[in-house]
Amino acid sequence: MLWGSGTPRREFMHVDDLADALVYLLRHYSGAQHVNVGVGEDVTIAELAQLIARVVGYRGRFVLDTTKPDGTPRKLMDVSKLTAMGWTAKIGLEDGLKSTYDWYQTNDAAARSPQAGGARASHRV
């Protein structure tokens, strides 16, 4: 079940790209004006759901609950200033989802292992 029409657009950035962008700015920028950090691309909520389904192997269908709110139609950063400074994101959305899902599977399995007491181990990331 997806809330809304599935048409609102959102921008997603991998945390490793965010960290890289912040280090880049610390090294290359000392101005007083803000600099937006993002990838400068967005996808619809429906596209995101399909992409996640592909990554995790979900073969079911999605139902849009249009009685629920869509929220803001679009959330996208203008990253032209950062791009002009020479920085761009390196990790695409699908690759980021794949690596995050792989990490989750590995760590969830480790937390459920007999060495972890058979229960979820508490850990911080």
PDB file of N, CA and C in Angstrom:
ATOM      1  N   MET A   1       0.852  -1.175   0.000  1.00  0.00           N
ATOM      2  CA  MET A   1       0.000   0.000   0.000  1.00  0.00           C
ATOM      3  C   MET A   1       0.898   1.240   0.000  1.00  0.00           C
ATOM      4  N   LEU A   2       0.699   2.094  -0.982  1.00  0.00           N
ATOM      5  CA  LEU A   2       1.400   3.373  -1.045  1.00  0.00           C
ATOM      6  C   LEU A   2       0.402   4.485  -0.788  1.00  0.00           C
ATOM      7  N   TRP A   3       0.767   5.386   0.078  1.00  0.00           N
ATOM      8  CA  TRP A   3      -0.103   6.517   0.355  1.00  0.00           C
ATOM      9  C   TRP A   3      -0.118   7.473  -0.824  1.00  0.00           C
ATOM     10  N   GLY A   4      -1.274   7.973  -1.163  1.00  0.00           N
ATOM     11  CA  GLY A   4      -1.412   8.999  -2.182  1.00  0.00           C
ATOM     12  C   GLY A   4      -1.408   8.436  -3.591  1.00  0.00           C
ATOM     13  N   SER A   5      -1.146   9.332  -4.533  1.00  0.00           N
ATOM     14  CA  SER A   5      -1.207   8.990  -5.955  1.00  0.00           C
ATOM     15  C   SER A   5       0.070   8.367  -6.495  1.00  0.00           C
ATOM     16  N   GLY A   6       1.161   8.460  -5.746  1.00  0.00           N
ATOM     17  CA  GLY A   6       2.450   7.945  -6.219  1.00  0.00           C
ATOM     18  C   GLY A   6       3.185   8.920  -7.116  1.00  0.00           C
ATOM     19  N   THR A   7       2.597  10.099  -7.356  1.00  0.00           N
ATOM     20  CA  THR A   7       3.207  11.056  -8.285  1.00  0.00           C
ATOM     21  C   THR A   7       4.136  12.091  -7.648  1.00  0.00           C
ATOM     22  N   PRO A   8       4.070  12.335  -6.335  1.00  0.00           N
ATOM     23  CA  PRO A   8       5.035  13.289  -5.774  1.00  0.00           C
ATOM     24  C   PRO A   8       6.462  12.828  -6.044  1.00  0.00           C
ATOM     25  N   ARG A   9       7.330  13.783  -6.201  1.00  0.00           N
ATOM     26  CA  ARG A   9       8.726  13.485  -6.547  1.00  0.00           C
ATOM     27  C   ARG A   9       9.617  13.799  -5.347  1.00  0.00           C
ATOM     28  N   ARG A  10      10.606  12.926  -5.144  1.00  0.00           N
ATOM     29  CA  ARG A  10      11.547  13.099  -4.038  1.00  0.00           C
ATOM     30  C   ARG A  10      12.963  12.835  -4.534  1.00  0.00           C
ATOM     31  N   GLU A  11      13.895  13.502  -3.885  1.00  0.00           N
ATOM     32  CA  GLU A  11      15.322  13.343  -4.170  1.00  0.00           C
ATOM     33  C   GLU A  11      15.917  12.518  -3.039  1.00  0.00           C
ATOM     34  N   PHE A  12      16.773  11.571  -3.391  1.00  0.00           N
ATOM     35  CA  PHE A  12      17.424  10.721  -2.400  1.00  0.00           C
ATOM     36  C   PHE A  12      18.926  10.747  -2.617  1.00  0.00           C
ATOM     37  N   MET A  13      19.653  10.794  -1.518  1.00  0.00           N
ATOM     38  CA  MET A  13      21.108  10.860  -1.588  1.00  0.00           C
ATOM     39  C   MET A  13      21.695   9.830  -0.634  1.00  0.00           C
ATOM     40  N   HIS A  14      22.673   9.093  -1.110  1.00  0.00           N
ATOM     41  CA  HIS A  14      23.348   8.106  -0.267  1.00  0.00           C
ATOM     42  C   HIS A  14      24.177   8.840   0.782  1.00  0.00           C
ATOM     43  N   VAL A  15      24.192   8.319   1.983  1.00  0.00           N
ATOM     44  CA  VAL A  15      24.904   8.961   3.084  1.00  0.00           C
ATOM     45  C   VAL A  15      26.404   9.109   2.795  1.00  0.00           C
ATOM     46  N   ASP A  16      26.984   8.163   2.061  1.00  0.00           N
ATOM     47  CA  ASP A  16      28.414   8.282   1.720  1.00  0.00           C
ATOM     48  C   ASP A  16      28.662   9.479   0.803  1.00  0.00           C
ATOM     49  N   ASP A  17      27.738   9.739  -0.116  1.00  0.00           N
ATOM     50  CA  ASP A  17      27.860  10.929  -0.960  1.00  0.00           C
ATOM     51  C   ASP A  17      27.692  12.200  -0.124  1.00  0.00           C
ATOM     52  N   LEU A  18      26.772  12.187   0.809  1.00  0.00           N
ATOM     53  CA  LEU A  18      26.605  13.355   1.677  1.00  0.00           C
ATOM     54  C   LEU A  18      27.886  13.645   2.443  1.00  0.00           C
ATOM     55  N   ALA A  19      28.466  12.618   3.043  1.00  0.00           N
ATOM     56  CA  ALA A  19      29.721  12.810   3.787  1.00  0.00           C
ATOM     57  C   ALA A  19      30.816  13.337   2.872  1.00  0.00           C
ATOM     58  N   ASP A  20      30.913  12.791   1.663  1.00  0.00           N
ATOM     59  CA  ASP A  20      31.917  13.241   0.701  1.00  0.00           C
ATOM     60  C   ASP A  20      31.698  14.709   0.331  1.00  0.00           C
ATOM     61  N   ALA A  21      30.442  15.088   0.109  1.00  0.00           N
ATOM     62  CA  ALA A  21      30.134  16.479  -0.241  1.00  0.00           C
ATOM     63  C   ALA A  21      30.503  17.429   0.894  1.00  0.00           C
ATOM     64  N   LEU A  22      30.228  17.031   2.120  1.00  0.00           N
ATOM     65  CA  LEU A  22      30.546  17.897   3.262  1.00  0.00           C
ATOM     66  C   LEU A  22      32.051  18.077   3.423  1.00  0.00           C
ATOM     67  N   VAL A  23      32.805  17.004   3.266  1.00  0.00           N
ATOM     68  CA  VAL A  23      34.265  17.113   3.331  1.00  0.00           C
ATOM     69  C   VAL A  23      34.766  17.999   2.193  1.00  0.00           C
ATOM     70  N   TYR A  24      34.210  17.813   1.004  1.00  0.00           N
ATOM     71  CA  TYR A  24      34.586  18.641  -0.147  1.00  0.00           C
ATOM     72  C   TYR A  24      34.350  20.119   0.156  1.00  0.00           C
ATOM     73  N   LEU A  25      33.188  20.434   0.707  1.00  0.00           N
ATOM     74  CA  LEU A  25      32.877  21.830   1.034  1.00  0.00           C
ATOM     75  C   LEU A  25      33.809  22.374   2.112  1.00  0.00           C
ATOM     76  N   LEU A  26      34.115  21.567   3.102  1.00  0.00           N
ATOM     77  CA  LEU A  26      35.044  22.015   4.143  1.00  0.00           C
ATOM     78  C   LEU A  26      36.407  22.368   3.561  1.00  0.00           C
ATOM     79  N   ARG A  27      36.808  21.647   2.545  1.00  0.00           N
ATOM     80  CA  ARG A  27      38.120  21.880   1.927  1.00  0.00           C
ATOM     81  C   ARG A  27      38.110  22.974   0.872  1.00  0.00           C
ATOM     82  N   HIS A  28      36.958  23.219   0.234  1.00  0.00           N
ATOM     83  CA  HIS A  28      36.940  24.097  -0.931  1.00  0.00           C
ATOM     84  C   HIS A  28      36.028  25.312  -0.834  1.00  0.00           C
ATOM     85  N   TYR A  29      35.341  25.498   0.284  1.00  0.00           N
ATOM     86  CA  TYR A  29      34.386  26.597   0.353  1.00  0.00           C
ATOM     87  C   TYR A  29      34.433  27.265   1.713  1.00  0.00           C
ATOM     88  N   SER A  30      34.504  28.565   1.705  1.00  0.00           N
ATOM     89  CA  SER A  30      34.480  29.312   2.970  1.00  0.00           C
ATOM     90  C   SER A  30      33.563  30.525   2.868  1.00  0.00           C
ATOM     91  N   GLY A  31      32.669  30.521   1.905  1.00  0.00           N
ATOM     92  CA  GLY A  31      31.759  31.643   1.708  1.00  0.00           C
ATOM     93  C   GLY A  31      30.677  31.707   2.775  1.00  0.00           C
ATOM     94  N   ALA A  32      29.972  32.826   2.774  1.00  0.00           N
ATOM     95  CA  ALA A  32      28.908  33.041   3.754  1.00  0.00           C
ATOM     96  C   ALA A  32      27.556  32.512   3.274  1.00  0.00           C
ATOM     97  N   GLN A  33      27.397  32.337   1.975  1.00  0.00           N
ATOM     98  CA  GLN A  33      26.127  31.863   1.422  1.00  0.00           C
ATOM     99  C   GLN A  33      26.000  30.346   1.564  1.00  0.00           C
ATOM    100  N   HIS A  34      24.774  29.900   1.733  1.00  0.00           N
ATOM    101  CA  HIS A  34      24.561  28.459   1.864  1.00  0.00           C
ATOM    102  C   HIS A  34      24.828  27.759   0.529  1.00  0.00           C
ATOM    103  N   VAL A  35      25.114  26.466   0.626  1.00  0.00           N
ATOM    104  CA  VAL A  35      25.302  25.616  -0.547  1.00  0.00           C
ATOM    105  C   VAL A  35      24.400  24.399  -0.359  1.00  0.00           C
ATOM    106  N   ASN A  36      23.486  24.199  -1.292  1.00  0.00           N
ATOM    107  CA  ASN A  36      22.629  23.018  -1.231  1.00  0.00           C
ATOM    108  C   ASN A  36      23.440  21.773  -1.561  1.00  0.00           C
ATOM    109  N   VAL A  37      23.186  20.719  -0.804  1.00  0.00           N
ATOM    110  CA  VAL A  37      23.831  19.439  -1.055  1.00  0.00           C
ATOM    111  C   VAL A  37      22.749  18.443  -1.441  1.00  0.00           C
ATOM    112  N   GLY A  38      22.917  17.839  -2.595  1.00  0.00           N
ATOM    113  CA  GLY A  38      21.962  16.856  -3.090  1.00  0.00           C
ATOM    114  C   GLY A  38      22.486  16.260  -4.375  1.00  0.00           C
ATOM    115  N   VAL A  39      21.643  15.477  -5.026  1.00  0.00           N
ATOM    116  CA  VAL A  39      22.045  14.866  -6.285  1.00  0.00           C
ATOM    117  C   VAL A  39      21.475  15.601  -7.485  1.00  0.00           C
ATOM    118  N   GLY A  40      20.448  16.409  -7.263  1.00  0.00           N
ATOM    119  CA  GLY A  40      19.858  17.176  -8.355  1.00  0.00           C
ATOM    120  C   GLY A  40      18.946  16.370  -9.257  1.00  0.00           C
ATOM    121  N   GLU A  41      18.531  15.193  -8.833  1.00  0.00           N
ATOM    122  CA  GLU A  41      17.607  14.339  -9.585  1.00  0.00           C
ATOM    123  C   GLU A  41      16.562  13.808  -8.620  1.00  0.00           C
ATOM    124  N   ASP A  42      15.361  13.592  -9.137  1.00  0.00           N
ATOM    125  CA  ASP A  42      14.308  13.047  -8.290  1.00  0.00           C
ATOM    126  C   ASP A  42      13.550  11.950  -9.022  1.00  0.00           C
ATOM    127  N   VAL A  43      12.766  11.211  -8.257  1.00  0.00           N
ATOM    128  CA  VAL A  43      11.926  10.139  -8.801  1.00  0.00           C
ATOM    129  C   VAL A  43      10.554  10.255  -8.147  1.00  0.00           C
ATOM    130  N   THR A  44       9.550   9.693  -8.805  1.00  0.00           N
ATOM    131  CA  THR A  44       8.233   9.667  -8.176  1.00  0.00           C
ATOM    132  C   THR A  44       8.226   8.595  -7.087  1.00  0.00           C
ATOM    133  N   ILE A  45       7.285   8.722  -6.176  1.00  0.00           N
ATOM    134  CA  ILE A  45       7.137   7.719  -5.124  1.00  0.00           C
ATOM    135  C   ILE A  45       6.835   6.353  -5.748  1.00  0.00           C
ATOM    136  N   ALA A  46       6.029   6.327  -6.808  1.00  0.00           N
ATOM    137  CA  ALA A  46       5.730   5.057  -7.487  1.00  0.00           C
ATOM    138  C   ALA A  46       6.989   4.465  -8.119  1.00  0.00           C
ATOM    139  N   GLU A  47       7.823   5.298  -8.739  1.00  0.00           N
ATOM    140  CA  GLU A  47       9.083   4.807  -9.315  1.00  0.00           C
ATOM    141  C   GLU A  47       9.997   4.272  -8.230  1.00  0.00           C
ATOM    142  N   LEU A  48      10.058   4.970  -7.100  1.00  0.00           N
ATOM    143  CA  LEU A  48      10.876   4.515  -5.983  1.00  0.00           C
ATOM    144  C   LEU A  48      10.410   3.151  -5.490  1.00  0.00           C
ATOM    145  N   ALA A  49       9.101   2.979  -5.354  1.00  0.00           N
ATOM    146  CA  ALA A  49       8.562   1.695  -4.901  1.00  0.00           C
ATOM    147  C   ALA A  49       8.950   0.574  -5.867  1.00  0.00           C
ATOM    148  N   GLN A  50       8.839   0.820  -7.163  1.00  0.00           N
ATOM    149  CA  GLN A  50       9.214  -0.187  -8.163  1.00  0.00           C
ATOM    150  C   GLN A  50      10.706  -0.506  -8.098  1.00  0.00           C
ATOM    151  N   LEU A  51      11.515   0.516  -7.900  1.00  0.00           N
ATOM    152  CA  LEU A  51      12.960   0.318  -7.804  1.00  0.00           C
ATOM    153  C   LEU A  51      13.314  -0.504  -6.569  1.00  0.00           C
ATOM    154  N   ILE A  52      12.720  -0.173  -5.443  1.00  0.00           N
ATOM    155  CA  ILE A  52      12.966  -0.945  -4.222  1.00  0.00           C
ATOM    156  C   ILE A  52      12.509  -2.389  -4.418  1.00  0.00           C
ATOM    157  N   ALA A  53      11.356  -2.567  -5.032  1.00  0.00           N
ATOM    158  CA  ALA A  53      10.854  -3.921  -5.292  1.00  0.00           C
ATOM    159  C   ALA A  53      11.849  -4.717  -6.127  1.00  0.00           C
ATOM    160  N   ARG A  54      12.404  -4.093  -7.142  1.00  0.00           N
ATOM    161  CA  ARG A  54      13.379  -4.778  -8.000  1.00  0.00           C
ATOM    162  C   ARG A  54      14.620  -5.161  -7.193  1.00  0.00           C
ATOM    163  N   VAL A  55      15.095  -4.252  -6.359  1.00  0.00           N
ATOM    164  CA  VAL A  55      16.309  -4.503  -5.569  1.00  0.00           C
ATOM    165  C   VAL A  55      16.108  -5.646  -4.577  1.00  0.00           C
ATOM    166  N   VAL A  56      14.958  -5.675  -3.920  1.00  0.00           N
ATOM    167  CA  VAL A  56      14.739  -6.688  -2.874  1.00  0.00           C
ATOM    168  C   VAL A  56      14.065  -7.950  -3.395  1.00  0.00           C
ATOM    169  N   GLY A  57      13.677  -7.955  -4.674  1.00  0.00           N
ATOM    170  CA  GLY A  57      13.066  -9.141  -5.245  1.00  0.00           C
ATOM    171  C   GLY A  57      11.582  -9.275  -4.977  1.00  0.00           C
ATOM    172  N   TYR A  58      10.918  -8.195  -4.636  1.00  0.00           N
ATOM    173  CA  TYR A  58       9.467  -8.212  -4.398  1.00  0.00           C
ATOM    174  C   TYR A  58       8.752  -8.311  -5.735  1.00  0.00           C
ATOM    175  N   ARG A  59       7.851  -9.288  -5.852  1.00  0.00           N
ATOM    176  CA  ARG A  59       7.144  -9.504  -7.120  1.00  0.00           C
ATOM    177  C   ARG A  59       5.647  -9.197  -7.002  1.00  0.00           C
ATOM    178  N   GLY A  60       5.229  -8.666  -5.880  1.00  0.00           N
ATOM    179  CA  GLY A  60       3.813  -8.350  -5.679  1.00  0.00           C
ATOM    180  C   GLY A  60       3.413  -7.079  -6.404  1.00  0.00           C
ATOM    181  N   ARG A  61       2.228  -6.643  -6.124  1.00  0.00           N
ATOM    182  CA  ARG A  61       1.746  -5.421  -6.759  1.00  0.00           C
ATOM    183  C   ARG A  61       1.626  -4.320  -5.719  1.00  0.00           C
ATOM    184  N   PHE A  62       1.492  -3.115  -6.199  1.00  0.00           N
ATOM    185  CA  PHE A  62       1.316  -1.958  -5.332  1.00  0.00           C
ATOM    186  C   PHE A  62      -0.102  -1.426  -5.495  1.00  0.00           C
ATOM    187  N   VAL A  63      -0.665  -0.987  -4.397  1.00  0.00           N
ATOM    188  CA  VAL A  63      -1.975  -0.359  -4.401  1.00  0.00           C
ATOM    189  C   VAL A  63      -1.776   1.071  -3.920  1.00  0.00           C
ATOM    190  N   LEU A  64      -2.310   2.001  -4.676  1.00  0.00           N
ATOM    191  CA  LEU A  64      -2.228   3.414  -4.299  1.00  0.00           C
ATOM    192  C   LEU A  64      -3.470   3.777  -3.496  1.00  0.00           C
ATOM    193  N   ASP A  65      -3.273   4.261  -2.285  1.00  0.00           N
ATOM    194  CA  ASP A  65      -4.391   4.694  -1.444  1.00  0.00           C
ATOM    195  C   ASP A  65      -4.540   6.199  -1.603  1.00  0.00           C
ATOM    196  N   THR A  66      -5.376   6.586  -2.550  1.00  0.00           N
ATOM    197  CA  THR A  66      -5.537   8.012  -2.845  1.00  0.00           C
ATOM    198  C   THR A  66      -6.379   8.741  -1.809  1.00  0.00           C
ATOM    199  N   THR A  67      -6.862   8.008  -0.785  1.00  0.00           N
ATOM    200  CA  THR A  67      -7.534   8.697   0.315  1.00  0.00           C
ATOM    201  C   THR A  67      -6.501   9.301   1.267  1.00  0.00           C
ATOM    202  N   LYS A  68      -5.255   8.893   1.117  1.00  0.00           N
ATOM    203  CA  LYS A  68      -4.162   9.427   1.935  1.00  0.00           C
ATOM    204  C   LYS A  68      -3.502  10.592   1.194  1.00  0.00           C
ATOM    205  N   PRO A  69      -2.893  11.496   1.938  1.00  0.00           N
ATOM    206  CA  PRO A  69      -2.304  12.682   1.306  1.00  0.00           C
ATOM    207  C   PRO A  69      -1.035  12.367   0.516  1.00  0.00           C
ATOM    208  N   ASP A  70      -0.810  13.157  -0.521  1.00  0.00           N
ATOM    209  CA  ASP A  70       0.412  13.063  -1.318  1.00  0.00           C
ATOM    210  C   ASP A  70       1.572  13.797  -0.657  1.00  0.00           C
ATOM    211  N   GLY A  71       1.286  14.840   0.071  1.00  0.00           N
ATOM    212  CA  GLY A  71       2.351  15.679   0.602  1.00  0.00           C
ATOM    213  C   GLY A  71       2.814  16.673  -0.454  1.00  0.00           C
ATOM    214  N   THR A  72       3.953  17.266  -0.214  1.00  0.00           N
ATOM    215  CA  THR A  72       4.509  18.248  -1.143  1.00  0.00           C
ATOM    216  C   THR A  72       4.728  17.596  -2.502  1.00  0.00           C
ATOM    217  N   PRO A  73       4.311  18.265  -3.592  1.00  0.00           N
ATOM    218  CA  PRO A  73       4.454  17.661  -4.922  1.00  0.00           C
ATOM    219  C   PRO A  73       5.893  17.345  -5.320  1.00  0.00           C
ATOM    220  N   ARG A  74       6.830  18.188  -4.899  1.00  0.00           N
ATOM    221  CA  ARG A  74       8.215  17.953  -5.315  1.00  0.00           C
ATOM    222  C   ARG A  74       9.174  18.502  -4.271  1.00  0.00           C
ATOM    223  N   LYS A  75      10.204  17.722  -3.993  1.00  0.00           N
ATOM    224  CA  LYS A  75      11.289  18.147  -3.104  1.00  0.00           C
ATOM    225  C   LYS A  75      12.590  17.836  -3.813  1.00  0.00           C
ATOM    226  N   LEU A  76      13.201  18.875  -4.370  1.00  0.00           N
ATOM    227  CA  LEU A  76      14.414  18.712  -5.158  1.00  0.00           C
ATOM    228  C   LEU A  76      15.338  19.888  -4.893  1.00  0.00           C
ATOM    229  N   MET A  77      16.587  19.589  -4.582  1.00  0.00           N
ATOM    230  CA  MET A  77      17.586  20.621  -4.335  1.00  0.00           C
ATOM    231  C   MET A  77      18.134  21.207  -5.635  1.00  0.00           C
ATOM    232  N   ASP A  78      18.371  22.498  -5.623  1.00  0.00           N
ATOM    233  CA  ASP A  78      19.113  23.125  -6.714  1.00  0.00           C
ATOM    234  C   ASP A  78      20.582  23.016  -6.331  1.00  0.00           C
ATOM    235  N   VAL A  79      21.288  22.103  -6.962  1.00  0.00           N
ATOM    236  CA  VAL A  79      22.685  21.835  -6.612  1.00  0.00           C
ATOM    237  C   VAL A  79      23.650  22.469  -7.614  1.00  0.00           C
ATOM    238  N   SER A  80      23.175  23.443  -8.366  1.00  0.00           N
ATOM    239  CA  SER A  80      24.012  24.049  -9.411  1.00  0.00           C
ATOM    240  C   SER A  80      25.265  24.704  -8.834  1.00  0.00           C
ATOM    241  N   LYS A  81      25.159  25.284  -7.651  1.00  0.00           N
ATOM    242  CA  LYS A  81      26.327  25.915  -7.036  1.00  0.00           C
ATOM    243  C   LYS A  81      27.393  24.877  -6.693  1.00  0.00           C
ATOM    244  N   LEU A  82      26.973  23.793  -6.107  1.00  0.00           N
ATOM    245  CA  LEU A  82      27.905  22.726  -5.740  1.00  0.00           C
ATOM    246  C   LEU A  82      28.499  22.068  -6.982  1.00  0.00           C
ATOM    247  N   THR A  83      27.673  21.859  -7.986  1.00  0.00           N
ATOM    248  CA  THR A  83      28.145  21.270  -9.241  1.00  0.00           C
ATOM    249  C   THR A  83      29.176  22.187  -9.904  1.00  0.00           C
ATOM    250  N   ALA A  84      28.899  23.475  -9.897  1.00  0.00           N
ATOM    251  CA  ALA A  84      29.836  24.445 -10.483  1.00  0.00           C
ATOM    252  C   ALA A  84      31.168  24.460  -9.738  1.00  0.00           C
ATOM    253  N   MET A  85      31.135  24.084  -8.460  1.00  0.00           N
ATOM    254  CA  MET A  85      32.368  24.022  -7.669  1.00  0.00           C
ATOM    255  C   MET A  85      33.161  22.752  -7.975  1.00  0.00           C
ATOM    256  N   GLY A  86      32.556  21.811  -8.717  1.00  0.00           N
ATOM    257  CA  GLY A  86      33.280  20.605  -9.113  1.00  0.00           C
ATOM    258  C   GLY A  86      32.877  19.331  -8.419  1.00  0.00           C
ATOM    259  N   TRP A  87      31.816  19.359  -7.615  1.00  0.00           N
ATOM    260  CA  TRP A  87      31.406  18.138  -6.917  1.00  0.00           C
ATOM    261  C   TRP A  87      30.092  17.631  -7.487  1.00  0.00           C
ATOM    262  N   THR A  88      30.007  16.315  -7.675  1.00  0.00           N
ATOM    263  CA  THR A  88      28.743  15.648  -8.016  1.00  0.00           C
ATOM    264  C   THR A  88      28.679  14.322  -7.267  1.00  0.00           C
ATOM    265  N   ALA A  89      27.466  13.890  -7.022  1.00  0.00           N
ATOM    266  CA  ALA A  89      27.252  12.606  -6.347  1.00  0.00           C
ATOM    267  C   ALA A  89      27.773  11.469  -7.221  1.00  0.00           C
ATOM    268  N   LYS A  90      28.260  10.427  -6.582  1.00  0.00           N
ATOM    269  CA  LYS A  90      28.824   9.285  -7.300  1.00  0.00           C
ATOM    270  C   LYS A  90      27.963   8.031  -7.210  1.00  0.00           C
ATOM    271  N   ILE A  91      27.102   7.948  -6.199  1.00  0.00           N
ATOM    272  CA  ILE A  91      26.331   6.732  -5.962  1.00  0.00           C
ATOM    273  C   ILE A  91      24.896   6.955  -6.428  1.00  0.00           C
ATOM    274  N   GLY A  92      24.514   6.256  -7.487  1.00  0.00           N
ATOM    275  CA  GLY A  92      23.156   6.358  -7.996  1.00  0.00           C
ATOM    276  C   GLY A  92      22.153   5.732  -7.039  1.00  0.00           C
ATOM    277  N   LEU A  93      20.897   6.083  -7.227  1.00  0.00           N
ATOM    278  CA  LEU A  93      19.853   5.601  -6.327  1.00  0.00           C
ATOM    279  C   LEU A  93      19.784   4.073  -6.293  1.00  0.00           C
ATOM    280  N   GLU A  94      19.773   3.434  -7.449  1.00  0.00           N
ATOM    281  CA  GLU A  94      19.669   1.976  -7.454  1.00  0.00           C
ATOM    282  C   GLU A  94      20.885   1.326  -6.795  1.00  0.00           C
ATOM    283  N   ASP A  95      22.086   1.811  -7.104  1.00  0.00           N
ATOM    284  CA  ASP A  95      23.289   1.260  -6.466  1.00  0.00           C
ATOM    285  C   ASP A  95      23.264   1.486  -4.961  1.00  0.00           C
ATOM    286  N   GLY A  96      22.809   2.647  -4.542  1.00  0.00           N
ATOM    287  CA  GLY A  96      22.710   2.935  -3.112  1.00  0.00           C
ATOM    288  C   GLY A  96      21.715   2.032  -2.412  1.00  0.00           C
ATOM    289  N   LEU A  97      20.576   1.803  -3.061  1.00  0.00           N
ATOM    290  CA  LEU A  97      19.589   0.890  -2.484  1.00  0.00           C
ATOM    291  C   LEU A  97      20.142  -0.525  -2.390  1.00  0.00           C
ATOM    292  N   LYS A  98      20.834  -0.963  -3.439  1.00  0.00           N
ATOM    293  CA  LYS A  98      21.414  -2.315  -3.433  1.00  0.00           C
ATOM    294  C   LYS A  98      22.432  -2.470  -2.307  1.00  0.00           C
ATOM    295  N   SER A  99      23.343  -1.515  -2.180  1.00  0.00           N
ATOM    296  CA  SER A  99      24.368  -1.638  -1.132  1.00  0.00           C
ATOM    297  C   SER A  99      23.752  -1.559   0.261  1.00  0.00           C
ATOM    298  N   THR A 100      22.744  -0.730   0.424  1.00  0.00           N
ATOM    299  CA  THR A 100      22.071  -0.621   1.721  1.00  0.00           C
ATOM    300  C   THR A 100      21.318  -1.899   2.040  1.00  0.00           C
ATOM    301  N   TYR A 101      20.646  -2.478   1.063  1.00  0.00           N
ATOM    302  CA  TYR A 101      19.924  -3.734   1.276  1.00  0.00           C
ATOM    303  C   TYR A 101      20.896  -4.868   1.575  1.00  0.00           C
ATOM    304  N   ASP A 102      22.000  -4.914   0.864  1.00  0.00           N
ATOM    305  CA  ASP A 102      23.031  -5.926   1.142  1.00  0.00           C
ATOM    306  C   ASP A 102      23.549  -5.788   2.564  1.00  0.00           C
ATOM    307  N   TRP A 103      23.808  -4.553   2.978  1.00  0.00           N
ATOM    308  CA  TRP A 103      24.286  -4.296   4.348  1.00  0.00           C
ATOM    309  C   TRP A 103      23.248  -4.783   5.356  1.00  0.00           C
ATOM    310  N   TYR A 104      21.995  -4.446   5.102  1.00  0.00           N
ATOM    311  CA  TYR A 104      20.918  -4.846   6.014  1.00  0.00           C
ATOM    312  C   TYR A 104      20.843  -6.366   6.127  1.00  0.00           C
ATOM    313  N   GLN A 105      20.866  -7.054   4.993  1.00  0.00           N
ATOM    314  CA  GLN A 105      20.777  -8.514   5.025  1.00  0.00           C
ATOM    315  C   GLN A 105      21.930  -9.122   5.817  1.00  0.00           C
ATOM    316  N   THR A 106      23.127  -8.637   5.606  1.00  0.00           N
ATOM    317  CA  THR A 106      24.294  -9.144   6.314  1.00  0.00           C
ATOM    318  C   THR A 106      24.180  -8.882   7.810  1.00  0.00           C
ATOM    319  N   ASN A 107      23.827  -7.674   8.174  1.00  0.00           N
ATOM    320  CA  ASN A 107      23.775  -7.308   9.584  1.00  0.00           C
ATOM    321  C   ASN A 107      22.558  -7.869  10.295  1.00  0.00           C
ATOM    322  N   ASP A 108      21.436  -8.010   9.605  1.00  0.00           N
ATOM    323  CA  ASP A 108      20.271  -8.617  10.209  1.00  0.00           C
ATOM    324  C   ASP A 108      20.544 -10.095  10.471  1.00  0.00           C
ATOM    325  N   ALA A 109      21.192 -10.763   9.506  1.00  0.00           N
ATOM    326  CA  ALA A 109      21.540 -12.172   9.694  1.00  0.00           C
ATOM    327  C   ALA A 109      22.508 -12.338  10.861  1.00  0.00           C
ATOM    328  N   ALA A 110      23.475 -11.435  10.961  1.00  0.00           N
ATOM    329  CA  ALA A 110      24.443 -11.510  12.065  1.00  0.00           C
ATOM    330  C   ALA A 110      23.748 -11.301  13.407  1.00  0.00           C
ATOM    331  N   ALA A 111      22.780 -10.398  13.448  1.00  0.00           N
ATOM    332  CA  ALA A 111      22.068 -10.127  14.696  1.00  0.00           C
ATOM    333  C   ALA A 111      21.203 -11.309  15.118  1.00  0.00           C
ATOM    334  N   ARG A 112      20.780 -12.119  14.155  1.00  0.00           N
ATOM    335  CA  ARG A 112      19.936 -13.273  14.456  1.00  0.00           C
ATOM    336  C   ARG A 112      20.742 -14.556  14.674  1.00  0.00           C
ATOM    337  N   SER A 113      22.049 -14.495  14.514  1.00  0.00           N
ATOM    338  CA  SER A 113      22.875 -15.695  14.627  1.00  0.00           C
ATOM    339  C   SER A 113      22.904 -16.204  16.066  1.00  0.00           C
ATOM    340  N   PRO A 114      23.211 -17.487  16.237  1.00  0.00           N
ATOM    341  CA  PRO A 114      23.303 -18.059  17.592  1.00  0.00           C
ATOM    342  C   PRO A 114      24.348 -17.341  18.450  1.00  0.00           C
ATOM    343  N   GLN A 115      25.420 -16.854  17.828  1.00  0.00           N
ATOM    344  CA  GLN A 115      26.449 -16.140  18.578  1.00  0.00           C
ATOM    345  C   GLN A 115      25.898 -14.847  19.179  1.00  0.00           C
ATOM    346  N   ALA A 116      24.843 -14.325  18.569  1.00  0.00           N
ATOM    347  CA  ALA A 116      24.219 -13.090  19.082  1.00  0.00           C
ATOM    348  C   ALA A 116      23.102 -13.413  20.061  1.00  0.00           C
ATOM    349  N   GLY A 117      22.990 -14.668  20.431  1.00  0.00           N
ATOM    350  CA  GLY A 117      21.975 -15.070  21.387  1.00  0.00           C
ATOM    351  C   GLY A 117      20.621 -15.377  20.752  1.00  0.00           C
ATOM    352  N   GLY A 118      20.581 -15.431  19.414  1.00  0.00           N
ATOM    353  CA  GLY A 118      19.348 -15.764  18.735  1.00  0.00           C
ATOM    354  C   GLY A 118      18.350 -14.630  18.647  1.00  0.00           C
ATOM    355  N   ALA A 119      18.666 -13.536  19.259  1.00  0.00           N
ATOM    356  CA  ALA A 119      17.776 -12.370  19.209  1.00  0.00           C
ATOM    357  C   ALA A 119      18.507 -11.228  18.522  1.00  0.00           C
ATOM    358  N   ARG A 120      17.777 -10.221  18.227  1.00  0.00           N
ATOM    359  CA  ARG A 120      18.398  -9.064  17.588  1.00  0.00           C
ATOM    360  C   ARG A 120      19.403  -8.433  18.553  1.00  0.00           C
ATOM    361  N   ALA A 121      20.593  -8.263  18.049  1.00  0.00           N
ATOM    362  CA  ALA A 121      21.614  -7.601  18.841  1.00  0.00           C
ATOM    363  C   ALA A 121      21.444  -6.107  18.690  1.00  0.00           C
ATOM    364  N   SER A 122      21.688  -5.382  19.754  1.00  0.00           N
ATOM    365  CA  SER A 122      21.623  -3.933  19.676  1.00  0.00           C
ATOM    366  C   SER A 122      22.939  -3.415  19.142  1.00  0.00           C
ATOM    367  N   HIS A 123      22.873  -2.582  18.116  1.00  0.00           N
ATOM    368  CA  HIS A 123      24.086  -1.994  17.560  1.00  0.00           C
ATOM    369  C   HIS A 123      23.783  -0.623  17.003  1.00  0.00           C
ATOM    370  N   ARG A 124      24.806   0.165  16.957  1.00  0.00           N
ATOM    371  CA  ARG A 124      24.684   1.506  16.399  1.00  0.00           C
ATOM    372  C   ARG A 124      25.449   1.570  15.112  1.00  0.00           C
ATOM    373  N   VAL A 125      24.895   2.318  14.187  1.00  0.00           N
ATOM    374  CA  VAL A 125      25.535   2.487  12.896  1.00  0.00           C
ATOM    375  C   VAL A 125      25.975   3.917  12.757  1.00  0.00           C
TER     376      VAL A 125
END
